[in-house]
Amino acid sequence: MSTKLSFHLSFLVCLFSLLLVTSCSEDEGGDTLGVVTEEIVSTSGERVILTGRILSQVEITLEDHGFEISSEESFSNPTILSLGERDRPGRFVAETGNLSIEENYFSRAYLINNGEKMFGEAVPFSTLSPQLVCFSPLIGRENTSMTIQGNNFTEDTKIIWDGTEITPSEINFESFLHFSAPAINQNTLIEIQVVSQGKTLTFSEPFEYIIGKWDLVRPFEDQLGKSEAVYFKVGEEFVYGLGHAIPTFSLMDFFKVLDVNTLDTTNIFFPGTAVEGAFFSGPYFGGGSIQRNRPVDPVLFNTTAFWKYDNQSFELLADVPAALYQAAAIQAADKLYLYGGETTDRKPSTETFIYDIPGNSWTQGTEAPFSPRNSYPSFNYNGSNYFIAKDSTFYRHDLGLDTWEVIGEYPYEVKEYGIVQQIDDIVYIGMMGSSRKLYGLQVDGLKWIPKRTPQEVNPYFTISAYTHNGEIFVFRGLQPEGFDRSLWKLDPKAF
């Protein structure tokens, strides 16, 4: 026999033997029935999703299949997740939501065939703890739609709002609780807690109600125009004047003194030249244009005169080193800081000047990184001067270090002629242009807190403002020129 023929015969014998062995193996395994606990797909606070698999290569008819879950490895008194009859092998999935949070469990797949119950291997798993992530909004009114975000919330989850229990209107994906903020009771800062299966979680930051109570004090008819005027409060007097007179729009050459207790006014003569766009802070004012400013005018007729108001009289002080229109002035201790404004050739100035009050003298300061204007908000707080620019940029000038830095942005649209009034450690800023939007700024934390707004029907404009006895008084006019003026009062802590 040739070598080639011998090789072919040997190959055929081996192939036949392999097929015979394979056939025998399939016949022996075809009647085998088994069940496997595959994996724990996911767990949460009270839910688990599991998969199992039935193994068989022949047709089957099972009376039942599913999972058993128990907190004991012996599976005494287990929870049974029955999936019912089944007539084919393969994977099956079950889910339950009746577990306890933070608990260790064991699970195993099972099947029942001809009355005989078979089990897969026990697989351990643990349920998770409820967790808080955040809530929004942080600040709002009563009936504000609220959302608490977290993880592993259970179906019995409740919200504790300042000690009062609230049932969420919806619980989505075990992660989002929806409800409405209740009406204000006594507290405006609200501690929020979440309770799931008896476990209490507390947010470190409170919810804050938007508060503030506005009252219309009275209509206020006089000749005060819009905010090219000068105004400031000294003691029990609110002093305002200069700027445009109504209805002639000529420049006012006098001041009015308002008694903040009686609201009676007194006209007082001003010995200087009438101006518009003067700077002012405390009893000090100066500069401005001696002619009415129009945007098309190529030059401004600015003055350097500088004045102090004192008990219904005026004292002329040392001239300002530069003739400026709408410069921003801030009094701090025994200094008056003067920033920016517009020069006589209509260029924005970035120069700063410092007036020494005891010495009645001026020195030049460090140049500002932009051109401040008194038509935009500025104030002093705790050793620094603060400015909000036209583009909403929020600047701080540290007076001790004589350094400038950008510290944030104003949270709303910036327009001219709003209010800046400080009560305790809160600076109230806003109501610019025709907007009624007002914020209380916690300067130390740079937290902007919205306040309630006056119920004005028409678009009124801010003319001037002052504080008295913890309340803010705001003059508002129906048009920028100040027609149909009214005096409003805000109690920022009332509700």
Protein backbone atom coordinates (compact mmCIF):
# COMPACT_ATOMS: atom_id res chain seq x y z
CA MET A 1 0.00 0.00 0.00
CA SER A 2 1.36 3.35 -0.93
CA THR A 3 2.25 5.95 1.66
CA LYS A 4 -0.33 8.42 0.25
CA LEU A 5 -3.19 5.86 0.47
CA SER A 6 -2.21 4.93 4.01
CA PHE A 7 -2.37 8.61 5.05
CA HIS A 8 -5.88 9.05 3.62
CA LEU A 9 -7.21 5.95 5.39
CA SER A 10 -5.77 7.13 8.71
CA PHE A 11 -7.39 10.57 8.30
CA LEU A 12 -10.81 9.05 7.59
CA VAL A 13 -10.60 6.82 10.65
CA CYS A 14 -9.74 9.79 12.91
CA LEU A 15 -12.54 11.92 11.47
CA PHE A 16 -15.11 9.13 12.00
CA SER A 17 -13.96 8.65 15.58
CA LEU A 18 -14.26 12.42 16.31
CA LEU A 19 -17.79 12.57 14.91
CA LEU A 20 -18.78 9.54 16.96
CA VAL A 21 -17.48 11.12 20.20
CA THR A 22 -19.20 14.43 19.46
CA SER A 23 -22.49 12.72 18.75
CA CYS A 24 -22.31 10.80 22.00
CA SER A 25 -21.56 14.01 23.98
CA GLU A 26 -24.57 15.84 22.53
CA ASP A 27 -26.87 12.97 23.34
CA GLU A 28 -25.63 12.83 26.91
CA GLY A 29 -25.91 16.63 27.48
CA GLY A 30 -29.18 17.14 25.69
CA ASP A 31 -31.26 15.92 28.62
CA THR A 32 -29.37 18.10 31.17
CA LEU A 33 -31.46 20.94 32.72
CA GLY A 34 -29.88 23.67 34.83
CA VAL A 35 -30.31 27.23 36.08
CA VAL A 36 -27.63 29.88 36.65
CA THR A 37 -27.75 33.10 38.69
CA GLU A 38 -25.95 35.34 36.20
CA GLU A 39 -25.46 38.83 37.59
CA ILE A 40 -26.78 41.76 39.59
CA VAL A 41 -27.42 44.32 36.86
CA SER A 42 -28.08 47.28 39.16
CA THR A 43 -29.05 48.19 42.69
CA SER A 44 -30.40 51.34 44.32
CA GLY A 45 -31.89 52.16 47.69
CA GLU A 46 -34.80 49.72 47.49
CA ARG A 47 -34.55 48.17 44.01
CA VAL A 48 -32.49 45.47 42.33
CA ILE A 49 -32.42 44.11 38.76
CA LEU A 50 -31.13 40.54 38.34
CA THR A 51 -30.53 38.18 35.44
CA GLY A 52 -30.51 34.40 35.34
CA ARG A 53 -30.25 31.75 32.64
CA ILE A 54 -31.94 28.39 32.03
CA LEU A 55 -29.63 25.81 30.45
CA SER A 56 -31.05 23.10 28.21
CA GLN A 57 -30.69 21.88 24.63
CA VAL A 58 -34.08 20.22 24.41
CA GLU A 59 -37.62 21.44 24.71
CA ILE A 60 -38.71 22.20 28.27
CA THR A 61 -41.93 22.90 30.11
CA LEU A 62 -41.34 24.62 33.45
CA GLU A 63 -44.07 25.24 36.01
CA ASP A 64 -42.22 28.31 37.32
CA HIS A 65 -38.92 30.17 37.31
CA GLY A 66 -37.55 33.33 38.92
CA PHE A 67 -35.42 34.42 41.87
CA GLU A 68 -35.30 34.16 45.61
CA ILE A 69 -33.92 37.06 47.67
CA SER A 70 -33.07 36.90 51.35
CA SER A 71 -31.02 38.80 53.90
CA GLU A 72 -29.77 35.40 55.11
CA GLU A 73 -27.53 33.10 53.11
CA SER A 74 -29.68 30.16 54.26
CA PHE A 75 -32.61 31.73 52.37
CA SER A 76 -35.01 31.18 55.24
CA ASN A 77 -38.27 32.98 54.52
CA PRO A 78 -37.05 34.47 51.21
CA THR A 79 -38.78 37.00 48.97
CA ILE A 80 -39.80 35.15 45.81
CA LEU A 81 -39.81 36.88 42.44
CA SER A 82 -41.91 34.47 40.39
CA LEU A 83 -41.83 34.86 36.61
CA GLY A 84 -44.24 31.96 35.96
CA GLU A 85 -44.19 29.19 33.38
CA ARG A 86 -41.54 28.93 30.67
CA ASP A 87 -41.08 26.70 27.64
CA ARG A 88 -37.64 27.63 26.38
CA PRO A 89 -34.11 28.00 27.75
CA GLY A 90 -32.18 31.27 27.85
CA ARG A 91 -31.83 34.43 29.89
CA PHE A 92 -34.52 35.90 32.13
CA VAL A 93 -34.68 39.20 34.06
CA ALA A 94 -36.51 40.27 37.21
CA GLU A 95 -36.79 43.47 39.23
CA THR A 96 -38.14 44.26 42.67
CA GLY A 97 -38.54 47.49 44.61
CA ASN A 98 -39.46 46.29 48.07
CA LEU A 99 -36.03 46.11 49.68
CA SER A 100 -34.55 47.97 52.62
CA ILE A 101 -31.85 50.59 52.16
CA GLU A 102 -28.26 49.87 53.23
CA GLU A 103 -28.91 46.12 53.59
CA ASN A 104 -26.88 43.05 52.57
CA TYR A 105 -28.81 40.45 50.56
CA PHE A 106 -28.35 37.13 48.75
CA SER A 107 -30.07 36.19 45.51
CA ARG A 108 -30.38 32.95 43.56
CA ALA A 109 -32.22 31.91 40.44
CA TYR A 110 -34.60 28.96 40.53
CA LEU A 111 -36.79 26.83 38.29
CA ILE A 112 -39.49 24.22 38.96
CA ASN A 113 -39.63 21.25 36.59
CA ASN A 114 -42.04 18.35 37.20
CA GLY A 115 -42.48 19.53 40.79
CA GLU A 116 -38.73 19.58 41.42
CA LYS A 117 -37.15 22.92 42.38
CA MET A 118 -33.61 23.66 41.22
CA PHE A 119 -31.43 26.60 42.29
CA GLY A 120 -28.51 28.53 40.88
CA GLU A 121 -25.55 29.66 42.93
CA ALA A 122 -26.23 32.34 45.57
CA VAL A 123 -24.94 35.80 44.59
CA PRO A 124 -24.61 38.54 47.25
CA PHE A 125 -25.49 42.20 46.74
CA SER A 126 -26.12 45.30 48.86
CA THR A 127 -28.69 48.06 48.53
CA LEU A 128 -27.43 51.64 48.52
CA SER A 129 -27.84 54.68 50.75
CA PRO A 130 -30.02 57.65 49.77
CA GLN A 131 -27.89 60.67 48.90
CA LEU A 132 -28.47 64.38 48.33
CA VAL A 133 -26.86 66.25 45.45
CA CYS A 134 -28.55 69.67 45.24
CA PHE A 135 -31.85 71.49 45.11
CA SER A 136 -33.02 74.27 42.83
CA PRO A 137 -33.74 77.07 42.83
CA LEU A 138 -31.81 78.22 45.88
CA ILE A 139 -33.94 81.37 46.10
CA GLY A 140 -37.60 81.77 45.22
CA ARG A 141 -41.12 82.78 46.15
CA GLU A 142 -43.96 80.74 47.59
CA ASN A 143 -45.36 78.22 45.06
CA THR A 144 -42.01 78.17 43.25
CA SER A 145 -41.54 74.82 41.48
CA MET A 146 -38.76 73.03 43.35
CA THR A 147 -36.57 70.06 42.43
CA ILE A 148 -34.35 68.07 44.77
CA GLN A 149 -31.71 65.99 43.02
CA GLY A 150 -30.09 63.00 44.66
CA ASN A 151 -29.74 59.23 44.41
CA ASN A 152 -31.51 56.13 45.70
CA PHE A 153 -34.68 57.84 46.94
CA THR A 154 -37.34 55.34 48.01
CA GLU A 155 -41.06 55.40 47.27
CA ASP A 156 -41.91 56.55 50.80
CA THR A 157 -39.59 59.58 50.57
CA LYS A 158 -40.85 62.73 52.27
CA ILE A 159 -39.50 66.29 52.34
CA ILE A 160 -39.23 68.16 55.63
CA TRP A 161 -39.59 71.89 54.91
CA ASP A 162 -38.70 73.93 57.98
CA GLY A 163 -40.21 71.17 60.14
CA THR A 164 -43.30 70.56 57.97
CA GLU A 165 -43.66 67.28 56.07
CA ILE A 166 -44.29 67.50 52.32
CA THR A 167 -45.09 64.61 49.97
CA PRO A 168 -43.34 65.04 46.59
CA SER A 169 -45.70 65.46 43.65
CA GLU A 170 -43.37 63.23 41.62
CA ILE A 171 -40.35 61.00 42.19
CA ASN A 172 -38.49 60.41 38.93
CA PHE A 173 -35.83 57.73 38.45
CA GLU A 174 -35.31 57.54 42.23
CA SER A 175 -33.23 60.72 41.76
CA PHE A 176 -35.55 63.73 41.38
CA LEU A 177 -38.15 64.96 43.87
CA HIS A 178 -40.62 67.57 42.59
CA PHE A 179 -42.75 69.83 44.79
CA SER A 180 -43.83 73.45 45.29
CA ALA A 181 -42.43 75.81 47.90
CA PRO A 182 -45.07 76.41 50.60
CA ALA A 183 -46.25 79.84 51.68
CA ILE A 184 -43.95 81.72 54.03
CA ASN A 185 -44.76 80.96 57.65
CA GLN A 186 -42.28 82.61 60.00
CA ASN A 187 -38.82 81.85 58.67
CA THR A 188 -37.39 83.12 55.40
CA LEU A 189 -34.34 80.83 55.51
CA ILE A 190 -35.59 77.27 55.23
CA GLU A 191 -33.75 74.10 56.21
CA ILE A 192 -34.60 71.28 53.78
CA GLN A 193 -34.44 67.63 54.83
CA VAL A 194 -35.25 64.44 52.93
CA VAL A 195 -36.41 61.26 54.70
CA SER A 196 -36.22 57.87 52.93
CA GLN A 197 -37.16 54.75 54.91
CA GLY A 198 -36.51 56.62 58.14
CA LYS A 199 -33.06 57.90 57.11
CA THR A 200 -32.89 61.70 57.36
CA LEU A 201 -30.61 63.73 55.11
CA THR A 202 -30.12 67.50 55.51
CA PHE A 203 -28.91 70.10 53.02
CA SER A 204 -26.14 72.30 54.39
CA GLU A 205 -27.43 75.38 52.52
CA PRO A 206 -30.94 76.73 53.20
CA PHE A 207 -33.57 77.79 50.71
CA GLU A 208 -34.19 81.53 50.86
CA TYR A 209 -37.52 83.19 50.18
CA ILE A 210 -37.63 86.31 48.04
CA ILE A 211 -39.02 88.89 50.43
CA GLY A 212 -39.51 92.62 50.78
CA LYS A 213 -42.65 94.70 51.17
CA TRP A 214 -43.27 97.74 48.98
CA ASP A 215 -45.69 100.55 49.80
CA LEU A 216 -46.56 103.62 47.78
CA VAL A 217 -45.90 106.51 50.16
CA ARG A 218 -47.45 109.24 48.03
CA PRO A 219 -47.24 111.06 44.70
CA PHE A 220 -44.42 113.58 44.81
CA GLU A 221 -44.68 116.58 42.52
CA ASP A 222 -41.75 118.97 42.31
CA GLN A 223 -39.26 120.14 39.72
CA LEU A 224 -36.69 117.38 40.19
CA GLY A 225 -35.79 115.78 36.88
CA LYS A 226 -34.00 112.54 36.13
CA SER A 227 -30.69 111.47 37.59
CA GLU A 228 -28.38 114.06 36.12
CA ALA A 229 -29.33 115.65 39.43
CA VAL A 230 -27.41 115.53 42.71
CA TYR A 231 -28.87 113.77 45.75
CA PHE A 232 -27.60 112.56 49.12
CA LYS A 233 -28.80 112.02 52.68
CA VAL A 234 -27.21 113.86 55.60
CA GLY A 235 -28.62 113.07 59.03
CA GLU A 236 -32.41 113.47 58.86
CA GLU A 237 -32.29 115.43 55.59
CA PHE A 238 -32.50 114.16 52.03
CA VAL A 239 -30.97 116.83 49.81
CA TYR A 240 -31.54 116.92 46.05
CA GLY A 241 -31.19 119.45 43.27
CA LEU A 242 -29.35 120.72 40.19
CA GLY A 243 -29.85 118.68 37.01
CA HIS A 244 -32.91 119.31 34.81
CA ALA A 245 -35.95 121.24 35.90
CA ILE A 246 -39.41 120.15 34.76
CA PRO A 247 -41.17 121.11 32.54
CA THR A 248 -38.68 123.59 31.05
CA PHE A 249 -35.68 121.19 31.10
CA SER A 250 -33.47 124.12 32.01
CA LEU A 251 -30.80 123.51 34.63
CA MET A 252 -31.97 123.83 38.22
CA ASP A 253 -30.08 126.41 40.26
CA PHE A 254 -31.41 125.40 43.66
CA PHE A 255 -31.79 122.44 46.02
CA LYS A 256 -34.65 120.98 47.99
CA VAL A 257 -34.28 119.57 51.48
CA LEU A 258 -36.70 116.79 52.42
CA ASP A 259 -37.30 116.08 56.10
CA VAL A 260 -37.25 112.26 56.08
CA ASN A 261 -39.57 112.09 59.10
CA THR A 262 -42.31 114.51 58.01
CA LEU A 263 -41.66 114.45 54.22
CA ASP A 264 -41.90 118.25 54.22
CA THR A 265 -39.61 120.03 51.75
CA THR A 266 -37.74 123.33 51.86
CA ASN A 267 -36.17 125.17 48.93
CA ILE A 268 -32.64 126.45 49.50
CA PHE A 269 -30.58 128.78 47.34
CA PHE A 270 -27.40 127.42 45.71
CA PRO A 271 -24.69 130.09 45.35
CA GLY A 272 -22.82 128.24 42.60
CA THR A 273 -23.49 127.67 38.91
CA ALA A 274 -26.25 125.27 37.92
CA VAL A 275 -24.86 122.05 36.42
CA GLU A 276 -25.93 118.61 35.29
CA GLY A 277 -23.96 115.38 35.63
CA ALA A 278 -22.14 116.43 38.82
CA PHE A 279 -20.51 113.81 41.03
CA PHE A 280 -21.78 113.43 44.60
CA SER A 281 -21.21 111.37 47.73
CA GLY A 282 -22.34 112.22 51.23
CA PRO A 283 -22.46 116.01 51.59
CA TYR A 284 -19.86 116.51 48.81
CA PHE A 285 -20.56 117.26 45.16
CA GLY A 286 -18.92 118.99 42.23
CA GLY A 287 -17.94 119.03 38.58
CA GLY A 288 -20.55 118.47 35.88
CA SER A 289 -21.48 120.51 32.83
CA ILE A 290 -22.74 124.09 33.08
CA GLN A 291 -24.72 123.57 29.86
CA ARG A 292 -27.25 120.91 29.10
CA ASN A 293 -25.50 117.92 27.55
CA ARG A 294 -26.62 116.51 24.23
CA PRO A 295 -25.00 113.37 22.76
CA VAL A 296 -24.24 115.20 19.50
CA ASP A 297 -22.29 117.98 21.21
CA PRO A 298 -18.54 117.68 20.42
CA VAL A 299 -17.47 119.24 23.71
CA LEU A 300 -18.69 119.51 27.29
CA PHE A 301 -18.58 122.67 29.37
CA ASN A 302 -17.42 121.03 32.57
CA THR A 303 -16.57 122.84 35.77
CA THR A 304 -14.02 122.04 38.48
CA ALA A 305 -16.02 123.62 41.31
CA PHE A 306 -16.30 121.44 44.42
CA TRP A 307 -18.83 121.96 47.21
CA LYS A 308 -19.90 120.71 50.62
CA TYR A 309 -23.46 120.91 51.94
CA ASP A 310 -23.79 121.77 55.63
CA ASN A 311 -27.05 122.56 57.43
CA GLN A 312 -28.84 124.19 54.48
CA SER A 313 -25.77 126.13 53.40
CA PHE A 314 -22.90 125.45 50.99
CA GLU A 315 -19.14 125.71 51.35
CA LEU A 316 -16.86 126.05 48.32
CA LEU A 317 -13.83 123.75 48.65
CA ALA A 318 -10.60 123.23 46.70
CA ASP A 319 -11.18 122.82 42.97
CA VAL A 320 -11.16 119.34 41.47
CA PRO A 321 -7.91 118.71 39.52
CA ALA A 322 -9.87 117.80 36.36
CA ALA A 323 -13.13 119.05 34.83
CA LEU A 324 -15.31 115.94 34.66
CA TYR A 325 -18.86 114.99 33.73
CA GLN A 326 -20.63 112.09 35.51
CA ALA A 327 -17.54 111.06 37.46
CA ALA A 328 -18.13 108.50 40.22
CA ALA A 329 -17.49 109.69 43.79
CA ILE A 330 -17.27 107.51 46.90
CA GLN A 331 -16.65 108.82 50.40
CA ALA A 332 -14.69 106.47 52.66
CA ALA A 333 -13.63 107.60 56.14
CA ASP A 334 -11.79 110.93 55.79
CA LYS A 335 -11.26 110.61 52.03
CA LEU A 336 -13.37 111.19 48.93
CA TYR A 337 -12.38 109.07 45.93
CA LEU A 338 -13.20 110.39 42.47
CA TYR A 339 -13.12 108.06 39.46
CA GLY A 340 -13.50 108.30 35.70
CA GLY A 341 -16.23 110.37 34.11
CA GLU A 342 -16.08 112.20 30.80
CA THR A 343 -13.63 114.97 29.95
CA THR A 344 -14.47 118.24 28.18
CA ASP A 345 -13.46 116.72 24.83
CA ARG A 346 -15.90 113.85 25.51
CA LYS A 347 -13.27 111.21 26.14
CA PRO A 348 -13.83 108.64 28.89
CA SER A 349 -11.40 109.19 31.74
CA THR A 350 -9.72 106.44 33.75
CA GLU A 351 -7.99 108.85 36.14
CA THR A 352 -8.65 108.79 39.87
CA PHE A 353 -8.29 111.59 42.38
CA ILE A 354 -8.30 111.46 46.17
CA TYR A 355 -9.60 114.33 48.27
CA ASP A 356 -8.29 114.59 51.82
CA ILE A 357 -11.22 115.95 53.82
CA PRO A 358 -9.29 117.35 56.83
CA GLY A 359 -6.61 118.90 54.62
CA ASN A 360 -8.94 120.18 51.86
CA SER A 361 -6.49 118.96 49.21
CA TRP A 362 -6.42 116.65 46.19
CA THR A 363 -3.88 114.06 45.06
CA GLN A 364 -3.89 111.81 42.02
CA GLY A 365 -4.49 108.10 42.53
CA THR A 366 -3.84 104.92 40.57
CA GLU A 367 -5.49 104.74 37.16
CA ALA A 368 -8.66 102.64 36.98
CA PRO A 369 -8.89 99.68 34.54
CA PHE A 370 -12.06 101.20 33.02
CA SER A 371 -13.93 104.51 33.09
CA PRO A 372 -16.39 104.56 36.03
CA ARG A 373 -19.53 106.72 35.78
CA ASN A 374 -21.89 107.90 38.49
CA SER A 375 -24.82 106.71 36.37
CA TYR A 376 -23.78 103.12 37.15
CA PRO A 377 -23.63 101.53 40.62
CA SER A 378 -20.68 102.11 42.95
CA PHE A 379 -20.26 101.90 46.73
CA ASN A 380 -17.79 101.43 49.59
CA TYR A 381 -17.72 98.33 51.75
CA ASN A 382 -15.20 97.20 54.34
CA GLY A 383 -12.14 99.03 53.03
CA SER A 384 -12.80 98.65 49.30
CA ASN A 385 -14.70 100.55 46.63
CA TYR A 386 -16.90 98.53 44.29
CA PHE A 387 -18.11 99.30 40.77
CA ILE A 388 -20.49 97.75 38.25
CA ALA A 389 -19.51 98.66 34.71
CA LYS A 390 -21.78 99.07 31.70
CA ASP A 391 -20.90 95.54 30.52
CA SER A 392 -21.94 94.05 33.93
CA THR A 393 -18.33 93.50 35.08
CA PHE A 394 -18.02 93.82 38.86
CA TYR A 395 -14.79 95.52 39.99
CA ARG A 396 -13.20 95.96 43.41
CA HIS A 397 -10.64 98.63 44.28
CA ASP A 398 -8.85 97.64 47.49
CA LEU A 399 -8.03 100.99 49.09
CA GLY A 400 -5.42 99.59 51.47
CA LEU A 401 -3.44 97.75 48.79
CA ASP A 402 -4.45 100.17 46.01
CA THR A 403 -5.16 97.23 43.69
CA TRP A 404 -7.97 96.50 41.24
CA GLU A 405 -9.56 93.15 40.43
CA VAL A 406 -12.59 91.73 38.66
CA ILE A 407 -14.67 89.76 41.16
CA GLY A 408 -17.73 88.76 39.13
CA GLU A 409 -20.68 90.10 37.17
CA TYR A 410 -23.98 91.76 37.93
CA PRO A 411 -26.66 89.06 37.45
CA TYR A 412 -29.01 91.13 35.30
CA GLU A 413 -28.97 93.68 32.50
CA VAL A 414 -27.13 96.87 33.45
CA LYS A 415 -28.69 100.23 32.64
CA GLU A 416 -28.17 103.73 33.98
CA TYR A 417 -29.65 105.42 37.03
CA GLY A 418 -30.55 102.69 39.45
CA ILE A 419 -30.25 102.61 43.22
CA VAL A 420 -27.38 101.63 45.51
CA GLN A 421 -28.35 101.64 49.17
CA GLN A 422 -26.71 99.83 52.07
CA ILE A 423 -28.48 98.54 55.19
CA ASP A 424 -26.27 96.67 57.66
CA ASP A 425 -24.12 94.24 55.63
CA ILE A 426 -26.45 94.09 52.60
CA VAL A 427 -26.06 96.43 49.62
CA TYR A 428 -29.26 96.82 47.59
CA ILE A 429 -28.56 97.33 43.90
CA GLY A 430 -30.89 97.52 40.91
CA MET A 431 -34.00 99.24 39.53
CA MET A 432 -31.88 100.58 36.66
CA GLY A 433 -33.63 102.28 33.78
CA SER A 434 -37.27 101.14 33.73
CA SER A 435 -36.42 97.79 35.34
CA ARG A 436 -37.90 96.89 38.72
CA LYS A 437 -35.33 94.14 39.29
CA LEU A 438 -33.61 94.61 42.65
CA TYR A 439 -30.99 92.51 44.45
CA GLY A 440 -29.59 92.44 47.94
CA LEU A 441 -25.86 91.76 47.67
CA GLN A 442 -24.04 89.94 50.46
CA VAL A 443 -20.65 91.40 49.58
CA ASP A 444 -18.52 89.03 51.65
CA GLY A 445 -19.89 85.97 49.85
CA LEU A 446 -20.78 87.76 46.59
CA LYS A 447 -24.30 86.36 46.85
CA TRP A 448 -27.02 88.17 44.90
CA ILE A 449 -30.45 87.79 46.54
CA PRO A 450 -33.49 88.91 44.50
CA LYS A 451 -35.99 91.13 46.29
CA ARG A 452 -39.67 91.69 45.68
CA THR A 453 -40.52 94.52 43.30
CA PRO A 454 -43.08 97.35 43.46
CA GLN A 455 -46.42 96.79 41.74
CA GLU A 456 -46.04 99.44 39.06
CA VAL A 457 -48.33 99.18 36.05
CA ASN A 458 -46.31 101.44 33.74
CA PRO A 459 -42.55 101.48 33.07
CA TYR A 460 -41.33 103.88 35.74
CA PHE A 461 -37.72 105.09 36.03
CA THR A 462 -35.60 105.62 39.12
CA ILE A 463 -34.82 109.25 39.99
CA SER A 464 -33.18 108.98 43.41
CA ALA A 465 -33.19 106.99 46.65
CA TYR A 466 -32.22 107.07 50.32
CA THR A 467 -32.44 104.84 53.40
CA HIS A 468 -34.13 105.65 56.71
CA ASN A 469 -34.85 103.46 59.75
CA GLY A 470 -33.95 100.26 57.92
CA GLU A 471 -36.15 101.03 54.90
CA ILE A 472 -35.34 102.19 51.37
CA PHE A 473 -37.19 105.14 49.85
CA VAL A 474 -37.17 105.42 46.06
CA PHE A 475 -38.38 108.26 43.85
CA ARG A 476 -39.71 106.90 40.55
CA GLY A 477 -40.95 108.78 37.47
CA LEU A 478 -43.17 107.62 34.62
CA GLN A 479 -40.61 108.72 32.01
CA PRO A 480 -36.82 109.17 32.14
CA GLU A 481 -37.44 112.90 32.50
CA GLY A 482 -39.33 112.21 35.73
CA PHE A 483 -42.98 113.05 34.96
CA ASP A 484 -45.66 111.63 37.28
CA ARG A 485 -43.29 111.03 40.17
CA SER A 486 -44.05 108.91 43.22
CA LEU A 487 -42.22 108.00 46.40
CA TRP A 488 -42.08 104.28 47.20
CA LYS A 489 -40.91 102.59 50.39
CA LEU A 490 -39.32 99.15 50.70
CA ASP A 491 -38.98 97.21 53.93
CA PRO A 492 -36.42 94.64 52.69
CA LYS A 493 -37.04 92.21 55.55
CA ALA A 494 -40.84 92.21 55.55
CA PHE A 495 -43.09 89.70 53.78
